[in-house]
Amino acid sequence: MAVLKSVENGVQAKSVIESFIAEGYVRDHIHVFANSNKRAEDIADFFNVDAKATAETTENDKGVLAAIKNFFQMTPDDLHHQLANLGVSEQEHATAKDDLEAGKILIIAHHPRT
């Protein structure tokens, strides 16, 4: 079972990540999702946790490099699959997707499956 928290900014993300660590979650089992892969990676790198790729698109994505970038990015179905693999319940999927679309940061912690 996963614990999902939605936050507005990096300061709140710091607090949530630190509380997950204090609760006994290891850094390898704390994941950051954001509506921008760069934003998720920046937060995850700073706290030494895992950043998950998300489906991000911009109107400026044109040309060969953009095509390559978009090929490697996740679709909404991929996001749904990743959330399910982390143990996020079906009820939380829609809320998580809405939060990402609203620009929030998702932080998910889980204990490894045995």
Protein backbone atom coordinates (compact mmCIF):
# COMPACT_ATOMS: atom_id res chain seq x y z
CA MET A 1 0.00 0.00 0.00
CA ALA A 2 1.30 3.41 -0.95
CA VAL A 3 0.92 6.73 0.79
CA LEU A 4 0.30 9.60 -1.62
CA LYS A 5 0.72 13.26 -0.71
CA SER A 6 0.04 16.20 -3.00
CA VAL A 7 1.90 19.47 -2.39
CA GLU A 8 2.11 22.92 -3.97
CA ASN A 9 5.87 23.60 -3.91
CA GLY A 10 9.38 22.45 -3.05
CA VAL A 11 9.17 23.64 0.56
CA GLN A 12 6.12 21.47 1.17
CA ALA A 13 7.77 18.61 -0.73
CA LYS A 14 10.76 18.84 1.61
CA SER A 15 8.50 18.55 4.64
CA VAL A 16 6.63 15.54 3.24
CA ILE A 17 9.80 13.72 2.17
CA GLU A 18 11.41 14.31 5.57
CA SER A 19 8.27 13.02 7.32
CA PHE A 20 8.26 9.88 5.15
CA ILE A 21 11.91 9.25 6.04
CA ALA A 22 11.14 9.81 9.75
CA GLU A 23 8.32 7.26 9.43
CA GLY A 24 10.82 4.67 8.19
CA TYR A 25 10.45 4.82 4.43
CA VAL A 26 13.76 4.45 2.61
CA ARG A 27 14.70 6.96 -0.08
CA ASP A 28 14.51 4.30 -2.83
CA HIS A 29 10.81 3.92 -2.05
CA ILE A 30 9.91 7.60 -2.16
CA HIS A 31 8.89 8.84 -5.61
CA VAL A 32 8.27 12.32 -6.96
CA PHE A 33 5.88 13.05 -9.82
CA ALA A 34 5.29 16.50 -11.32
CA ASN A 35 3.71 17.92 -14.46
CA SER A 36 7.24 18.66 -15.67
CA ASN A 37 9.93 16.00 -15.73
CA LYS A 38 12.53 18.69 -15.00
CA ARG A 39 10.65 19.83 -11.91
CA ALA A 40 10.29 16.25 -10.63
CA GLU A 41 13.98 15.52 -11.31
CA ASP A 42 15.14 18.70 -9.58
CA ILE A 43 13.18 17.90 -6.42
CA ALA A 44 14.16 14.23 -6.46
CA ASP A 45 17.84 15.01 -7.02
CA PHE A 46 17.87 17.52 -4.17
CA PHE A 47 16.38 14.99 -1.74
CA ASN A 48 18.07 11.93 -3.25
CA VAL A 49 14.79 10.15 -3.99
CA ASP A 50 13.27 8.74 -7.19
CA ALA A 51 11.82 10.95 -9.93
CA LYS A 52 9.21 9.35 -12.14
CA ALA A 53 8.70 10.48 -15.71
CA THR A 54 5.32 11.97 -16.54
CA ALA A 55 3.54 12.87 -19.73
CA GLU A 56 4.47 16.48 -20.38
CA THR A 57 3.75 18.31 -23.57
CA THR A 58 4.26 21.88 -24.67
CA GLU A 59 3.34 23.76 -27.80
CA ASN A 60 7.03 24.47 -28.35
CA ASP A 61 7.80 20.78 -28.92
CA LYS A 62 8.57 20.70 -32.63
CA GLY A 63 11.14 18.99 -34.80
CA VAL A 64 13.26 15.87 -34.53
CA LEU A 65 14.49 16.48 -30.98
CA ALA A 66 10.93 17.03 -29.78
CA ALA A 67 9.81 13.84 -31.49
CA ILE A 68 12.56 11.90 -29.73
CA LYS A 69 11.67 13.55 -26.41
CA ASN A 70 7.97 12.76 -26.82
CA PHE A 71 8.73 9.15 -27.77
CA PHE A 72 10.39 8.56 -24.41
CA GLN A 73 7.78 10.35 -22.33
CA MET A 74 4.93 8.63 -20.62
CA THR A 75 1.34 8.65 -21.71
CA PRO A 76 -1.51 9.02 -19.20
CA ASP A 77 -1.92 5.22 -19.37
CA ASP A 78 1.75 4.83 -18.44
CA LEU A 79 1.22 7.13 -15.47
CA HIS A 80 -1.77 5.06 -14.39
CA HIS A 81 0.33 1.89 -14.68
CA GLN A 82 3.21 3.38 -12.66
CA LEU A 83 0.88 4.55 -9.91
CA ALA A 84 -0.70 1.10 -9.77
CA ASN A 85 2.74 -0.54 -9.57
CA LEU A 86 3.59 1.67 -6.59
CA GLY A 87 0.41 0.59 -4.82
CA VAL A 88 -1.73 3.70 -5.37
CA SER A 89 -5.39 2.73 -5.12
CA GLU A 90 -7.79 3.09 -8.02
CA GLN A 91 -9.70 5.74 -6.07
CA GLU A 92 -6.56 7.88 -5.78
CA HIS A 93 -5.64 7.68 -9.49
CA ALA A 94 -8.11 10.33 -10.67
CA THR A 95 -7.18 12.70 -7.85
CA ALA A 96 -3.47 12.21 -8.57
CA LYS A 97 -3.98 12.93 -12.27
CA ASP A 98 -6.03 16.06 -11.49
CA ASP A 99 -3.38 17.27 -9.04
CA LEU A 100 -0.62 16.82 -11.62
CA GLU A 101 -2.64 18.69 -14.22
CA ALA A 102 -3.13 21.51 -11.69
CA GLY A 103 0.66 21.81 -11.32
CA LYS A 104 0.98 20.10 -7.96
CA ILE A 105 3.79 17.76 -6.95
CA LEU A 106 2.93 14.19 -5.99
CA ILE A 107 5.08 12.37 -3.48
CA ILE A 108 4.46 8.67 -3.06
CA ALA A 109 6.05 6.44 -0.45
CA HIS A 110 5.67 2.69 -0.25
CA HIS A 111 7.24 -0.26 1.42
CA PRO A 112 8.80 -2.83 -0.93
CA ARG A 113 6.59 -5.73 -1.94
CA THR A 114 7.71 -9.08 -0.69
